Amino acid sequence: MAGQGSPITGIIEESEVVIDFGQYEGRTIKDVAELDPTFYDRLVQERDSGAFSIRRHRDKTFRLFMNPLSKVDH
């Protein structure tokens, strides 16, 4: 994704963002793209809906958090 960024994480590398919910909790976005392309595509589609957000955790990692009111199946 050199030059254009990630469709989910923007300018943050997908290998640097850890999912903090559901069956892929603890895996990076990059891992999920390889393990479950369908779920990855759903995350891409939901990016602008407010279904999730990326935050910097206390341990300085980036985490993808799910909005508890989201309708994304996780």
PDB file of N, CA and C in Angstrom:
ATOM      1  N   MET A   1       0.813  -1.186   0.000  1.00  0.00           N
ATOM      2  CA  MET A   1       0.000   0.000   0.000  1.00  0.00           C
ATOM      3  C   MET A   1       0.858   1.252   0.000  1.00  0.00           C
ATOM      4  N   ALA A   2       2.010   1.119  -0.500  1.00  0.00           N
ATOM      5  CA  ALA A   2       2.932   2.245  -0.516  1.00  0.00           C
ATOM      6  C   ALA A   2       2.338   3.424  -1.267  1.00  0.00           C
ATOM      7  N   GLY A   3       2.431   4.580  -0.643  1.00  0.00           N
ATOM      8  CA  GLY A   3       2.005   5.798  -1.301  1.00  0.00           C
ATOM      9  C   GLY A   3       0.553   6.170  -1.099  1.00  0.00           C
ATOM     10  N   GLN A   4      -0.332   5.187  -0.982  1.00  0.00           N
ATOM     11  CA  GLN A   4      -1.741   5.539  -0.879  1.00  0.00           C
ATOM     12  C   GLN A   4      -2.349   5.267   0.485  1.00  0.00           C
ATOM     13  N   GLY A   5      -1.691   4.531   1.332  1.00  0.00           N
ATOM     14  CA  GLY A   5      -2.217   4.243   2.655  1.00  0.00           C
ATOM     15  C   GLY A   5      -3.245   3.122   2.629  1.00  0.00           C
ATOM     16  N   SER A   6      -3.693   2.781   3.793  1.00  0.00           N
ATOM     17  CA  SER A   6      -4.650   1.691   3.963  1.00  0.00           C
ATOM     18  C   SER A   6      -6.085   2.199   3.844  1.00  0.00           C
ATOM     19  N   PRO A   7      -6.979   1.398   3.255  1.00  0.00           N
ATOM     20  CA  PRO A   7      -8.377   1.807   3.199  1.00  0.00           C
ATOM     21  C   PRO A   7      -9.054   1.764   4.571  1.00  0.00           C
ATOM     22  N   ILE A   8      -8.399   1.175   5.558  1.00  0.00           N
ATOM     23  CA  ILE A   8      -8.954   1.114   6.913  1.00  0.00           C
ATOM     24  C   ILE A   8      -8.211   2.040   7.857  1.00  0.00           C
ATOM     25  N   THR A   9      -6.894   1.993   7.839  1.00  0.00           N
ATOM     26  CA  THR A   9      -6.101   2.711   8.832  1.00  0.00           C
ATOM     27  C   THR A   9      -5.535   4.041   8.351  1.00  0.00           C
ATOM     28  N   GLY A  10      -5.713   4.347   7.092  1.00  0.00           N
ATOM     29  CA  GLY A  10      -5.167   5.600   6.563  1.00  0.00           C
ATOM     30  C   GLY A  10      -3.662   5.524   6.444  1.00  0.00           C
ATOM     31  N   ILE A  11      -2.970   6.441   7.099  1.00  0.00           N
ATOM     32  CA  ILE A  11      -1.512   6.487   6.965  1.00  0.00           C
ATOM     33  C   ILE A  11      -0.788   5.542   7.920  1.00  0.00           C
ATOM     34  N   ILE A  12      -1.487   4.960   8.880  1.00  0.00           N
ATOM     35  CA  ILE A  12      -0.870   4.021   9.824  1.00  0.00           C
ATOM     36  C   ILE A  12      -0.775   2.657   9.146  1.00  0.00           C
ATOM     37  N   GLU A  13       0.373   2.020   9.244  1.00  0.00           N
ATOM     38  CA  GLU A  13       0.570   0.705   8.640  1.00  0.00           C
ATOM     39  C   GLU A  13      -0.399  -0.314   9.248  1.00  0.00           C
ATOM     40  N   GLU A  14      -0.999  -1.149   8.404  1.00  0.00           N
ATOM     41  CA  GLU A  14      -1.937  -2.163   8.884  1.00  0.00           C
ATOM     42  C   GLU A  14      -1.274  -3.147   9.842  1.00  0.00           C
ATOM     43  N   SER A  15       0.017  -3.337   9.708  1.00  0.00           N
ATOM     44  CA  SER A  15       0.741  -4.247  10.610  1.00  0.00           C
ATOM     45  C   SER A  15       0.942  -3.637  11.998  1.00  0.00           C
ATOM     46  N   GLU A  16       0.617  -2.352  12.159  1.00  0.00           N
ATOM     47  CA  GLU A  16       0.786  -1.651  13.432  1.00  0.00           C
ATOM     48  C   GLU A  16      -0.524  -1.487  14.201  1.00  0.00           C
ATOM     49  N   VAL A  17      -1.660  -1.867  13.604  1.00  0.00           N
ATOM     50  CA  VAL A  17      -2.964  -1.664  14.240  1.00  0.00           C
ATOM     51  C   VAL A  17      -3.543  -3.019  14.638  1.00  0.00           C
ATOM     52  N   VAL A  18      -3.817  -3.163  15.936  1.00  0.00           N
ATOM     53  CA  VAL A  18      -4.321  -4.411  16.497  1.00  0.00           C
ATOM     54  C   VAL A  18      -5.826  -4.296  16.712  1.00  0.00           C
ATOM     55  N   ILE A  19      -6.548  -5.333  16.316  1.00  0.00           N
ATOM     56  CA  ILE A  19      -7.997  -5.363  16.530  1.00  0.00           C
ATOM     57  C   ILE A  19      -8.274  -5.651  18.000  1.00  0.00           C
ATOM     58  N   ASP A  20      -9.186  -4.911  18.577  1.00  0.00           N
ATOM     59  CA  ASP A  20      -9.473  -5.009  20.004  1.00  0.00           C
ATOM     60  C   ASP A  20     -10.900  -5.515  20.264  1.00  0.00           C
ATOM     61  N   PHE A  21     -11.393  -6.402  19.411  1.00  0.00           N
ATOM     62  CA  PHE A  21     -12.743  -6.942  19.585  1.00  0.00           C
ATOM     63  C   PHE A  21     -12.899  -8.232  18.786  1.00  0.00           C
ATOM     64  N   GLY A  22     -13.908  -9.005  19.135  1.00  0.00           N
ATOM     65  CA  GLY A  22     -14.319 -10.162  18.342  1.00  0.00           C
ATOM     66  C   GLY A  22     -13.304 -11.280  18.212  1.00  0.00           C
ATOM     67  N   GLN A  23     -13.553 -12.136  17.240  1.00  0.00           N
ATOM     68  CA  GLN A  23     -12.730 -13.329  17.048  1.00  0.00           C
ATOM     69  C   GLN A  23     -11.300 -13.022  16.635  1.00  0.00           C
ATOM     70  N   TYR A  24     -11.042 -11.833  16.132  1.00  0.00           N
ATOM     71  CA  TYR A  24      -9.686 -11.474  15.704  1.00  0.00           C
ATOM     72  C   TYR A  24      -8.979 -10.568  16.707  1.00  0.00           C
ATOM     73  N   GLU A  25      -9.507 -10.481  17.915  1.00  0.00           N
ATOM     74  CA  GLU A  25      -8.884  -9.659  18.948  1.00  0.00           C
ATOM     75  C   GLU A  25      -7.427 -10.075  19.132  1.00  0.00           C
ATOM     76  N   GLY A  26      -6.548  -9.091  19.124  1.00  0.00           N
ATOM     77  CA  GLY A  26      -5.125  -9.346  19.288  1.00  0.00           C
ATOM     78  C   GLY A  26      -4.372  -9.516  17.979  1.00  0.00           C
ATOM     79  N   ARG A  27      -5.088  -9.627  16.877  1.00  0.00           N
ATOM     80  CA  ARG A  27      -4.467  -9.753  15.547  1.00  0.00           C
ATOM     81  C   ARG A  27      -4.373  -8.377  14.903  1.00  0.00           C
ATOM     82  N   THR A  28      -3.421  -8.235  14.018  1.00  0.00           N
ATOM     83  CA  THR A  28      -3.302  -6.963  13.304  1.00  0.00           C
ATOM     84  C   THR A  28      -4.268  -6.931  12.114  1.00  0.00           C
ATOM     85  N   ILE A  29      -4.513  -5.732  11.621  1.00  0.00           N
ATOM     86  CA  ILE A  29      -5.343  -5.570  10.426  1.00  0.00           C
ATOM     87  C   ILE A  29      -4.717  -6.341   9.260  1.00  0.00           C
ATOM     88  N   LYS A  30      -3.401  -6.299   9.168  1.00  0.00           N
ATOM     89  CA  LYS A  30      -2.706  -7.017   8.099  1.00  0.00           C
ATOM     90  C   LYS A  30      -2.969  -8.526   8.199  1.00  0.00           C
ATOM     91  N   ASP A  31      -2.928  -9.073   9.418  1.00  0.00           N
ATOM     92  CA  ASP A  31      -3.233 -10.495   9.622  1.00  0.00           C
ATOM     93  C   ASP A  31      -4.643 -10.822   9.132  1.00  0.00           C
ATOM     94  N   VAL A  32      -5.596  -9.980   9.495  1.00  0.00           N
ATOM     95  CA  VAL A  32      -6.993 -10.220   9.129  1.00  0.00           C
ATOM     96  C   VAL A  32      -7.175 -10.142   7.617  1.00  0.00           C
ATOM     97  N   ALA A  33      -6.456  -9.237   6.966  1.00  0.00           N
ATOM     98  CA  ALA A  33      -6.549  -9.136   5.500  1.00  0.00           C
ATOM     99  C   ALA A  33      -6.164 -10.460   4.855  1.00  0.00           C
ATOM    100  N   GLU A  34      -5.195 -11.153   5.447  1.00  0.00           N
ATOM    101  CA  GLU A  34      -4.743 -12.431   4.903  1.00  0.00           C
ATOM    102  C   GLU A  34      -5.621 -13.595   5.351  1.00  0.00           C
ATOM    103  N   LEU A  35      -6.085 -13.570   6.609  1.00  0.00           N
ATOM    104  CA  LEU A  35      -6.875 -14.665   7.172  1.00  0.00           C
ATOM    105  C   LEU A  35      -8.329 -14.675   6.716  1.00  0.00           C
ATOM    106  N   ASP A  36      -8.923 -13.483   6.630  1.00  0.00           N
ATOM    107  CA  ASP A  36     -10.354 -13.385   6.344  1.00  0.00           C
ATOM    108  C   ASP A  36     -10.628 -12.152   5.469  1.00  0.00           C
ATOM    109  N   PRO A  37     -10.353 -12.275   4.166  1.00  0.00           N
ATOM    110  CA  PRO A  37     -10.548 -11.130   3.266  1.00  0.00           C
ATOM    111  C   PRO A  37     -11.979 -10.587   3.269  1.00  0.00           C
ATOM    112  N   THR A  38     -12.952 -11.440   3.523  1.00  0.00           N
ATOM    113  CA  THR A  38     -14.349 -10.985   3.555  1.00  0.00           C
ATOM    114  C   THR A  38     -14.574 -10.032   4.727  1.00  0.00           C
ATOM    115  N   PHE A  39     -14.068 -10.388   5.899  1.00  0.00           N
ATOM    116  CA  PHE A  39     -14.197  -9.518   7.069  1.00  0.00           C
ATOM    117  C   PHE A  39     -13.418  -8.224   6.846  1.00  0.00           C
ATOM    118  N   TYR A  40     -12.244  -8.319   6.279  1.00  0.00           N
ATOM    119  CA  TYR A  40     -11.441  -7.135   5.959  1.00  0.00           C
ATOM    120  C   TYR A  40     -12.236  -6.195   5.050  1.00  0.00           C
ATOM    121  N   ASP A  41     -12.864  -6.750   4.014  1.00  0.00           N
ATOM    122  CA  ASP A  41     -13.664  -5.927   3.096  1.00  0.00           C
ATOM    123  C   ASP A  41     -14.820  -5.252   3.820  1.00  0.00           C
ATOM    124  N   ARG A  42     -15.416  -5.935   4.784  1.00  0.00           N
ATOM    125  CA  ARG A  42     -16.505  -5.326   5.561  1.00  0.00           C
ATOM    126  C   ARG A  42     -15.980  -4.167   6.397  1.00  0.00           C
ATOM    127  N   LEU A  43     -14.783  -4.312   6.949  1.00  0.00           N
ATOM    128  CA  LEU A  43     -14.186  -3.201   7.693  1.00  0.00           C
ATOM    129  C   LEU A  43     -13.952  -2.009   6.774  1.00  0.00           C
ATOM    130  N   VAL A  44     -13.481  -2.277   5.568  1.00  0.00           N
ATOM    131  CA  VAL A  44     -13.270  -1.205   4.589  1.00  0.00           C
ATOM    132  C   VAL A  44     -14.597  -0.488   4.324  1.00  0.00           C
ATOM    133  N   GLN A  45     -15.666  -1.245   4.117  1.00  0.00           N
ATOM    134  CA  GLN A  45     -16.972  -0.659   3.821  1.00  0.00           C
ATOM    135  C   GLN A  45     -17.516   0.153   4.990  1.00  0.00           C
ATOM    136  N   GLU A  46     -17.189  -0.242   6.209  1.00  0.00           N
ATOM    137  CA  GLU A  46     -17.717   0.426   7.407  1.00  0.00           C
ATOM    138  C   GLU A  46     -16.857   1.591   7.894  1.00  0.00           C
ATOM    139  N   ARG A  47     -15.734   1.815   7.254  1.00  0.00           N
ATOM    140  CA  ARG A  47     -14.776   2.816   7.746  1.00  0.00           C
ATOM    141  C   ARG A  47     -15.411   4.176   8.022  1.00  0.00           C
ATOM    142  N   ASP A  48     -16.200   4.673   7.121  1.00  0.00           N
ATOM    143  CA  ASP A  48     -16.749   6.019   7.264  1.00  0.00           C
ATOM    144  C   ASP A  48     -18.075   6.075   8.019  1.00  0.00           C
ATOM    145  N   SER A  49     -18.562   4.922   8.469  1.00  0.00           N
ATOM    146  CA  SER A  49     -19.859   4.888   9.140  1.00  0.00           C
ATOM    147  C   SER A  49     -19.777   5.147  10.638  1.00  0.00           C
ATOM    148  N   GLY A  50     -18.572   5.194  11.193  1.00  0.00           N
ATOM    149  CA  GLY A  50     -18.428   5.373  12.639  1.00  0.00           C
ATOM    150  C   GLY A  50     -18.507   4.064  13.398  1.00  0.00           C
ATOM    151  N   ALA A  51     -18.423   2.940  12.695  1.00  0.00           N
ATOM    152  CA  ALA A  51     -18.521   1.632  13.330  1.00  0.00           C
ATOM    153  C   ALA A  51     -17.313   1.336  14.209  1.00  0.00           C
ATOM    154  N   PHE A  52     -16.177   1.916  13.891  1.00  0.00           N
ATOM    155  CA  PHE A  52     -14.974   1.688  14.678  1.00  0.00           C
ATOM    156  C   PHE A  52     -14.075   2.910  14.632  1.00  0.00           C
ATOM    157  N   SER A  53     -13.101   2.901  15.524  1.00  0.00           N
ATOM    158  CA  SER A  53     -12.117   3.987  15.530  1.00  0.00           C
ATOM    159  C   SER A  53     -10.763   3.416  15.931  1.00  0.00           C
ATOM    160  N   ILE A  54      -9.725   4.121  15.554  1.00  0.00           N
ATOM    161  CA  ILE A  54      -8.370   3.736  15.912  1.00  0.00           C
ATOM    162  C   ILE A  54      -7.897   4.697  16.984  1.00  0.00           C
ATOM    163  N   ARG A  55      -7.406   4.121  18.076  1.00  0.00           N
ATOM    164  CA  ARG A  55      -6.896   4.926  19.177  1.00  0.00           C
ATOM    165  C   ARG A  55      -5.527   4.407  19.592  1.00  0.00           C
ATOM    166  N   ARG A  56      -4.770   5.280  20.158  1.00  0.00           N
ATOM    167  CA  ARG A  56      -3.469   4.885  20.711  1.00  0.00           C
ATOM    168  C   ARG A  56      -3.708   4.396  22.128  1.00  0.00           C
ATOM    169  N   HIS A  57      -3.282   3.191  22.409  1.00  0.00           N
ATOM    170  CA  HIS A  57      -3.470   2.576  23.713  1.00  0.00           C
ATOM    171  C   HIS A  57      -2.384   3.041  24.680  1.00  0.00           C
ATOM    172  N   ARG A  58      -2.573   2.805  25.965  1.00  0.00           N
ATOM    173  CA  ARG A  58      -1.580   3.185  26.966  1.00  0.00           C
ATOM    174  C   ARG A  58      -0.199   2.594  26.697  1.00  0.00           C
ATOM    175  N   ASP A  59      -0.189   1.392  26.100  1.00  0.00           N
ATOM    176  CA  ASP A  59       1.102   0.746  25.812  1.00  0.00           C
ATOM    177  C   ASP A  59       1.712   1.234  24.499  1.00  0.00           C
ATOM    178  N   LYS A  60       1.144   2.299  23.941  1.00  0.00           N
ATOM    179  CA  LYS A  60       1.631   2.962  22.720  1.00  0.00           C
ATOM    180  C   LYS A  60       1.308   2.217  21.424  1.00  0.00           C
ATOM    181  N   THR A  61       0.527   1.140  21.513  1.00  0.00           N
ATOM    182  CA  THR A  61       0.092   0.454  20.296  1.00  0.00           C
ATOM    183  C   THR A  61      -1.161   1.138  19.769  1.00  0.00           C
ATOM    184  N   PHE A  62      -1.427   0.948  18.494  1.00  0.00           N
ATOM    185  CA  PHE A  62      -2.662   1.442  17.908  1.00  0.00           C
ATOM    186  C   PHE A  62      -3.680   0.317  17.967  1.00  0.00           C
ATOM    187  N   ARG A  63      -4.906   0.633  18.404  1.00  0.00           N
ATOM    188  CA  ARG A  63      -5.961  -0.363  18.537  1.00  0.00           C
ATOM    189  C   ARG A  63      -7.187   0.057  17.735  1.00  0.00           C
ATOM    190  N   LEU A  64      -7.791  -0.922  17.080  1.00  0.00           N
ATOM    191  CA  LEU A  64      -9.039  -0.695  16.361  1.00  0.00           C
ATOM    192  C   LEU A  64     -10.166  -1.095  17.307  1.00  0.00           C
ATOM    193  N   PHE A  65     -10.936  -0.113  17.770  1.00  0.00           N
ATOM    194  CA  PHE A  65     -12.035  -0.336  18.699  1.00  0.00           C
ATOM    195  C   PHE A  65     -13.360  -0.297  17.959  1.00  0.00           C
ATOM    196  N   MET A  66     -14.268  -1.188  18.337  1.00  0.00           N
ATOM    197  CA  MET A  66     -15.604  -1.238  17.752  1.00  0.00           C
ATOM    198  C   MET A  66     -16.532  -0.341  18.560  1.00  0.00           C
ATOM    199  N   ASN A  67     -17.344   0.442  17.873  1.00  0.00           N
ATOM    200  CA  ASN A  67     -18.399   1.215  18.502  1.00  0.00           C
ATOM    201  C   ASN A  67     -19.425   0.209  19.025  1.00  0.00           C
ATOM    202  N   PRO A  68     -19.779   0.245  20.304  1.00  0.00           N
ATOM    203  CA  PRO A  68     -20.711  -0.756  20.849  1.00  0.00           C
ATOM    204  C   PRO A  68     -22.089  -0.735  20.184  1.00  0.00           C
ATOM    205  N   LEU A  69     -22.454   0.353  19.549  1.00  0.00           N
ATOM    206  CA  LEU A  69     -23.751   0.442  18.886  1.00  0.00           C
ATOM    207  C   LEU A  69     -23.689   0.044  17.411  1.00  0.00           C
ATOM    208  N   SER A  70     -22.524  -0.359  16.956  1.00  0.00           N
ATOM    209  CA  SER A  70     -22.316  -0.712  15.562  1.00  0.00           C
ATOM    210  C   SER A  70     -23.084  -1.968  15.187  1.00  0.00           C
ATOM    211  N   LYS A  71     -23.452  -2.054  13.930  1.00  0.00           N
ATOM    212  CA  LYS A  71     -24.158  -3.238  13.412  1.00  0.00           C
ATOM    213  C   LYS A  71     -23.223  -4.191  12.690  1.00  0.00           C
ATOM    214  N   VAL A  72     -21.912  -3.916  12.737  1.00  0.00           N
ATOM    215  CA  VAL A  72     -20.939  -4.807  12.120  1.00  0.00           C
ATOM    216  C   VAL A  72     -20.895  -6.084  12.939  1.00  0.00           C
ATOM    217  N   ASP A  73     -21.016  -7.213  12.257  1.00  0.00           N
ATOM    218  CA  ASP A  73     -20.958  -8.516  12.920  1.00  0.00           C
ATOM    219  C   ASP A  73     -19.515  -8.817  13.273  1.00  0.00           C
ATOM    220  N   HIS A  74     -19.237  -8.890  14.551  1.00  0.00           N
ATOM    221  CA  HIS A  74     -17.881  -9.141  15.010  1.00  0.00           C
ATOM    222  C   HIS A  74     -17.888 -10.353  15.877  1.00  0.00           C
TER     223      HIS A  74
END
